[in-house]
Amino acid sequence: MLGAVLSVVVAGPSPSAAAKPGAGGCAPQFELVTIATAAQRAGVSLEGIRRADNNEDGSICIKTVHNGSHTWVDNNRQKGKGDGDT
């Protein structure tokens, strides 16, 4: 029984869990979100924020700055490797 539990822990997350937003990586204090969520939070058009998604995975990193505005950058996932929604 203990061997079965250890093998599950060592194996890590399932492929479906690894594909969820969060796997792309963001700098500290940034949050990985879909571009639709980022556009909503920042109060900008979806098309305007979509241009920041250089790797075309449907996700970017967003951060609320001290005055309540937002800044965003693309996450560090390689182009063509993501499955985020838009």
N, C-alpha and C. Protein backbone atom coordinates (compact mmCIF):
# COMPACT_ATOMS: atom_id res chain seq x y z
N MET A 1 0.83 -1.19 0.00
CA MET A 1 0.00 0.00 0.00
C MET A 1 0.87 1.24 0.00
N LEU A 2 1.88 1.31 0.86
CA LEU A 2 2.75 2.46 0.94
C LEU A 2 3.47 2.69 -0.39
N GLY A 3 3.88 1.63 -1.05
CA GLY A 3 4.54 1.74 -2.35
C GLY A 3 3.64 2.38 -3.39
N ALA A 4 2.35 2.04 -3.38
CA ALA A 4 1.41 2.62 -4.32
C ALA A 4 1.23 4.11 -4.08
N VAL A 5 1.17 4.51 -2.82
CA VAL A 5 1.02 5.92 -2.48
C VAL A 5 2.25 6.70 -2.90
N LEU A 6 3.44 6.15 -2.63
CA LEU A 6 4.68 6.84 -3.00
C LEU A 6 4.82 6.97 -4.51
N SER A 7 4.41 5.98 -5.26
CA SER A 7 4.54 6.07 -6.71
C SER A 7 3.63 7.15 -7.28
N VAL A 8 2.49 7.38 -6.69
CA VAL A 8 1.59 8.45 -7.13
C VAL A 8 2.20 9.80 -6.83
N VAL A 9 2.79 9.96 -5.66
CA VAL A 9 3.40 11.23 -5.27
C VAL A 9 4.61 11.53 -6.14
N VAL A 10 5.43 10.55 -6.41
CA VAL A 10 6.63 10.75 -7.21
C VAL A 10 6.29 11.05 -8.66
N ALA A 11 5.20 10.49 -9.17
CA ALA A 11 4.83 10.67 -10.56
C ALA A 11 4.48 12.12 -10.88
N GLY A 12 4.03 12.88 -9.92
CA GLY A 12 3.71 14.29 -10.15
C GLY A 12 2.30 14.46 -10.67
N PRO A 13 1.99 15.67 -11.13
CA PRO A 13 0.64 15.96 -11.58
C PRO A 13 0.32 15.25 -12.89
N SER A 14 -0.95 15.02 -13.11
CA SER A 14 -1.38 14.40 -14.34
C SER A 14 -1.18 15.38 -15.49
N PRO A 15 -1.12 14.90 -16.74
CA PRO A 15 -0.95 15.81 -17.87
C PRO A 15 -2.04 16.87 -17.94
N SER A 16 -3.27 16.54 -17.58
CA SER A 16 -4.34 17.54 -17.64
C SER A 16 -4.13 18.62 -16.59
N ALA A 17 -3.60 18.29 -15.43
CA ALA A 17 -3.34 19.30 -14.41
C ALA A 17 -2.21 20.21 -14.85
N ALA A 18 -1.20 19.68 -15.51
CA ALA A 18 -0.07 20.49 -15.94
C ALA A 18 -0.45 21.45 -17.05
N ALA A 19 -1.52 21.19 -17.77
CA ALA A 19 -1.91 22.03 -18.89
C ALA A 19 -2.77 23.22 -18.47
N LYS A 20 -3.21 23.27 -17.25
CA LYS A 20 -4.06 24.35 -16.79
C LYS A 20 -3.28 25.64 -16.66
N PRO A 21 -3.97 26.82 -16.74
CA PRO A 21 -3.26 28.08 -16.53
C PRO A 21 -2.49 28.04 -15.22
N GLY A 22 -1.31 28.58 -15.23
CA GLY A 22 -0.42 28.51 -14.09
C GLY A 22 0.87 27.81 -14.47
N ALA A 23 0.80 26.97 -15.51
CA ALA A 23 1.97 26.23 -15.94
C ALA A 23 2.89 27.07 -16.81
N GLY A 24 2.42 28.19 -17.32
CA GLY A 24 3.23 29.00 -18.22
C GLY A 24 4.29 29.82 -17.54
N GLY A 25 4.09 30.15 -16.30
CA GLY A 25 5.09 30.87 -15.54
C GLY A 25 5.02 32.37 -15.68
N CYS A 26 5.01 33.05 -14.57
CA CYS A 26 5.00 34.50 -14.50
C CYS A 26 6.04 34.96 -13.49
N ALA A 27 6.47 36.18 -13.64
CA ALA A 27 7.37 36.79 -12.67
C ALA A 27 6.64 36.95 -11.34
N PRO A 28 7.39 37.07 -10.24
CA PRO A 28 6.76 37.29 -8.94
C PRO A 28 5.82 38.50 -8.99
N GLN A 29 4.73 38.41 -8.29
CA GLN A 29 3.69 39.44 -8.16
C GLN A 29 2.79 39.53 -9.38
N PHE A 30 3.02 38.71 -10.40
CA PHE A 30 2.11 38.63 -11.55
C PHE A 30 1.29 37.37 -11.42
N GLU A 31 0.10 37.39 -12.00
CA GLU A 31 -0.80 36.24 -11.97
C GLU A 31 -1.07 35.79 -13.39
N LEU A 32 -1.00 34.50 -13.66
CA LEU A 32 -1.29 33.95 -14.98
C LEU A 32 -2.80 33.84 -15.14
N VAL A 33 -3.35 34.49 -16.15
CA VAL A 33 -4.78 34.47 -16.42
C VAL A 33 -4.99 34.35 -17.93
N THR A 34 -6.21 34.02 -18.33
CA THR A 34 -6.53 34.03 -19.75
C THR A 34 -6.55 35.47 -20.23
N ILE A 35 -6.40 35.66 -21.53
CA ILE A 35 -6.43 37.02 -22.04
C ILE A 35 -7.80 37.65 -21.86
N ALA A 36 -8.85 36.86 -21.87
CA ALA A 36 -10.20 37.39 -21.63
C ALA A 36 -10.31 37.93 -20.21
N THR A 37 -9.79 37.21 -19.24
CA THR A 37 -9.81 37.68 -17.85
C THR A 37 -8.97 38.93 -17.70
N ALA A 38 -7.79 38.96 -18.32
CA ALA A 38 -6.92 40.13 -18.24
C ALA A 38 -7.60 41.36 -18.83
N ALA A 39 -8.26 41.21 -19.96
CA ALA A 39 -8.95 42.34 -20.59
C ALA A 39 -10.05 42.86 -19.68
N GLN A 40 -10.79 41.96 -19.06
CA GLN A 40 -11.86 42.36 -18.15
C GLN A 40 -11.31 43.11 -16.95
N ARG A 41 -10.27 42.58 -16.33
CA ARG A 41 -9.68 43.23 -15.15
C ARG A 41 -9.09 44.60 -15.47
N ALA A 42 -8.41 44.69 -16.62
CA ALA A 42 -7.73 45.93 -16.98
C ALA A 42 -8.66 46.94 -17.64
N GLY A 43 -9.85 46.50 -18.02
CA GLY A 43 -10.80 47.40 -18.65
C GLY A 43 -10.39 47.81 -20.05
N VAL A 44 -9.77 46.89 -20.78
CA VAL A 44 -9.36 47.16 -22.16
C VAL A 44 -10.02 46.15 -23.08
N SER A 45 -9.93 46.43 -24.39
CA SER A 45 -10.55 45.52 -25.35
C SER A 45 -9.78 44.20 -25.39
N LEU A 46 -10.49 43.15 -25.72
CA LEU A 46 -9.86 41.84 -25.84
C LEU A 46 -8.79 41.88 -26.93
N GLU A 47 -9.08 42.54 -28.03
CA GLU A 47 -8.10 42.63 -29.11
C GLU A 47 -6.86 43.40 -28.67
N GLY A 48 -7.04 44.43 -27.87
CA GLY A 48 -5.91 45.21 -27.39
C GLY A 48 -4.96 44.40 -26.53
N ILE A 49 -5.50 43.54 -25.71
CA ILE A 49 -4.65 42.74 -24.83
C ILE A 49 -4.15 41.48 -25.52
N ARG A 50 -4.87 41.02 -26.53
CA ARG A 50 -4.46 39.81 -27.26
C ARG A 50 -3.10 40.01 -27.92
N ARG A 51 -2.77 41.24 -28.28
CA ARG A 51 -1.47 41.50 -28.91
C ARG A 51 -0.30 41.19 -27.97
N ALA A 52 -0.54 41.18 -26.68
CA ALA A 52 0.52 40.85 -25.72
C ALA A 52 0.79 39.35 -25.65
N ASP A 53 -0.11 38.56 -26.20
CA ASP A 53 0.02 37.10 -26.15
C ASP A 53 0.90 36.61 -27.29
N ASN A 54 2.19 36.92 -27.22
CA ASN A 54 3.13 36.60 -28.29
C ASN A 54 3.28 35.11 -28.55
N ASN A 55 3.14 34.30 -27.53
CA ASN A 55 3.29 32.85 -27.73
C ASN A 55 1.97 32.18 -28.10
N GLU A 56 0.91 32.96 -28.18
CA GLU A 56 -0.40 32.50 -28.66
C GLU A 56 -0.95 31.31 -27.89
N ASP A 57 -0.74 31.31 -26.55
CA ASP A 57 -1.29 30.21 -25.75
C ASP A 57 -2.57 30.61 -25.04
N GLY A 58 -3.03 31.85 -25.22
CA GLY A 58 -4.29 32.29 -24.62
C GLY A 58 -4.16 32.79 -23.20
N SER A 59 -2.94 32.90 -22.68
CA SER A 59 -2.71 33.34 -21.31
C SER A 59 -1.63 34.41 -21.27
N ILE A 60 -1.77 35.34 -20.32
CA ILE A 60 -0.73 36.32 -20.08
C ILE A 60 -0.61 36.54 -18.57
N CYS A 61 0.41 37.25 -18.18
CA CYS A 61 0.65 37.57 -16.77
C CYS A 61 0.18 39.00 -16.51
N ILE A 62 -0.61 39.19 -15.46
CA ILE A 62 -1.14 40.51 -15.14
C ILE A 62 -0.84 40.85 -13.69
N LYS A 63 -0.67 42.15 -13.45
CA LYS A 63 -0.38 42.63 -12.10
C LYS A 63 -1.10 43.96 -11.91
N THR A 64 -1.74 44.13 -10.75
CA THR A 64 -2.35 45.40 -10.40
C THR A 64 -1.27 46.24 -9.73
N VAL A 65 -1.06 47.45 -10.23
CA VAL A 65 -0.04 48.32 -9.66
C VAL A 65 -0.65 49.26 -8.63
N HIS A 66 0.19 50.00 -7.94
CA HIS A 66 -0.22 50.78 -6.77
C HIS A 66 -1.39 51.73 -7.01
N ASN A 67 -1.56 52.27 -8.19
CA ASN A 67 -2.64 53.22 -8.44
C ASN A 67 -3.92 52.56 -8.95
N GLY A 68 -3.97 51.24 -8.95
CA GLY A 68 -5.15 50.51 -9.38
C GLY A 68 -5.17 50.16 -10.85
N SER A 69 -4.19 50.67 -11.61
CA SER A 69 -4.12 50.28 -13.02
C SER A 69 -3.43 48.93 -13.12
N HIS A 70 -3.33 48.41 -14.31
CA HIS A 70 -2.77 47.08 -14.51
C HIS A 70 -1.62 47.13 -15.50
N THR A 71 -0.73 46.21 -15.33
CA THR A 71 0.34 46.00 -16.30
C THR A 71 0.35 44.52 -16.64
N TRP A 72 0.74 44.19 -17.86
CA TRP A 72 0.74 42.79 -18.26
C TRP A 72 1.88 42.52 -19.21
N VAL A 73 2.31 41.27 -19.20
CA VAL A 73 3.35 40.75 -20.09
C VAL A 73 2.97 39.32 -20.45
N ASP A 74 3.54 38.84 -21.53
CA ASP A 74 3.26 37.46 -21.90
C ASP A 74 3.94 36.51 -20.91
N ASN A 75 3.33 35.36 -20.71
CA ASN A 75 3.93 34.35 -19.85
C ASN A 75 5.10 33.70 -20.59
N ASN A 76 5.86 32.86 -19.90
CA ASN A 76 7.08 32.33 -20.50
C ASN A 76 6.92 30.96 -21.16
N ARG A 77 5.72 30.57 -21.48
CA ARG A 77 5.50 29.30 -22.19
C ARG A 77 5.95 29.47 -23.64
N GLN A 78 6.58 28.45 -24.21
CA GLN A 78 7.03 28.53 -25.59
C GLN A 78 5.84 28.57 -26.54
N LYS A 79 5.99 29.27 -27.63
CA LYS A 79 4.93 29.39 -28.63
C LYS A 79 4.50 28.00 -29.11
N GLY A 80 3.19 27.79 -29.17
CA GLY A 80 2.64 26.53 -29.66
C GLY A 80 2.56 25.44 -28.60
N LYS A 81 2.95 25.72 -27.35
CA LYS A 81 2.96 24.69 -26.31
C LYS A 81 1.77 24.77 -25.36
N GLY A 82 0.91 25.79 -25.47
CA GLY A 82 -0.16 25.97 -24.50
C GLY A 82 -1.50 25.54 -25.03
N ASP A 83 -2.47 25.53 -24.13
CA ASP A 83 -3.84 25.21 -24.53
C ASP A 83 -4.82 26.12 -23.81
N GLY A 84 -4.39 27.34 -23.46
CA GLY A 84 -5.28 28.29 -22.78
C GLY A 84 -6.43 28.70 -23.67
N ASP A 85 -7.49 29.20 -23.07
CA ASP A 85 -8.63 29.64 -23.88
C ASP A 85 -8.52 31.13 -24.13
N THR A 86 -9.23 31.59 -25.12
CA THR A 86 -9.18 33.01 -25.45
C THR A 86 -10.50 33.64 -25.26
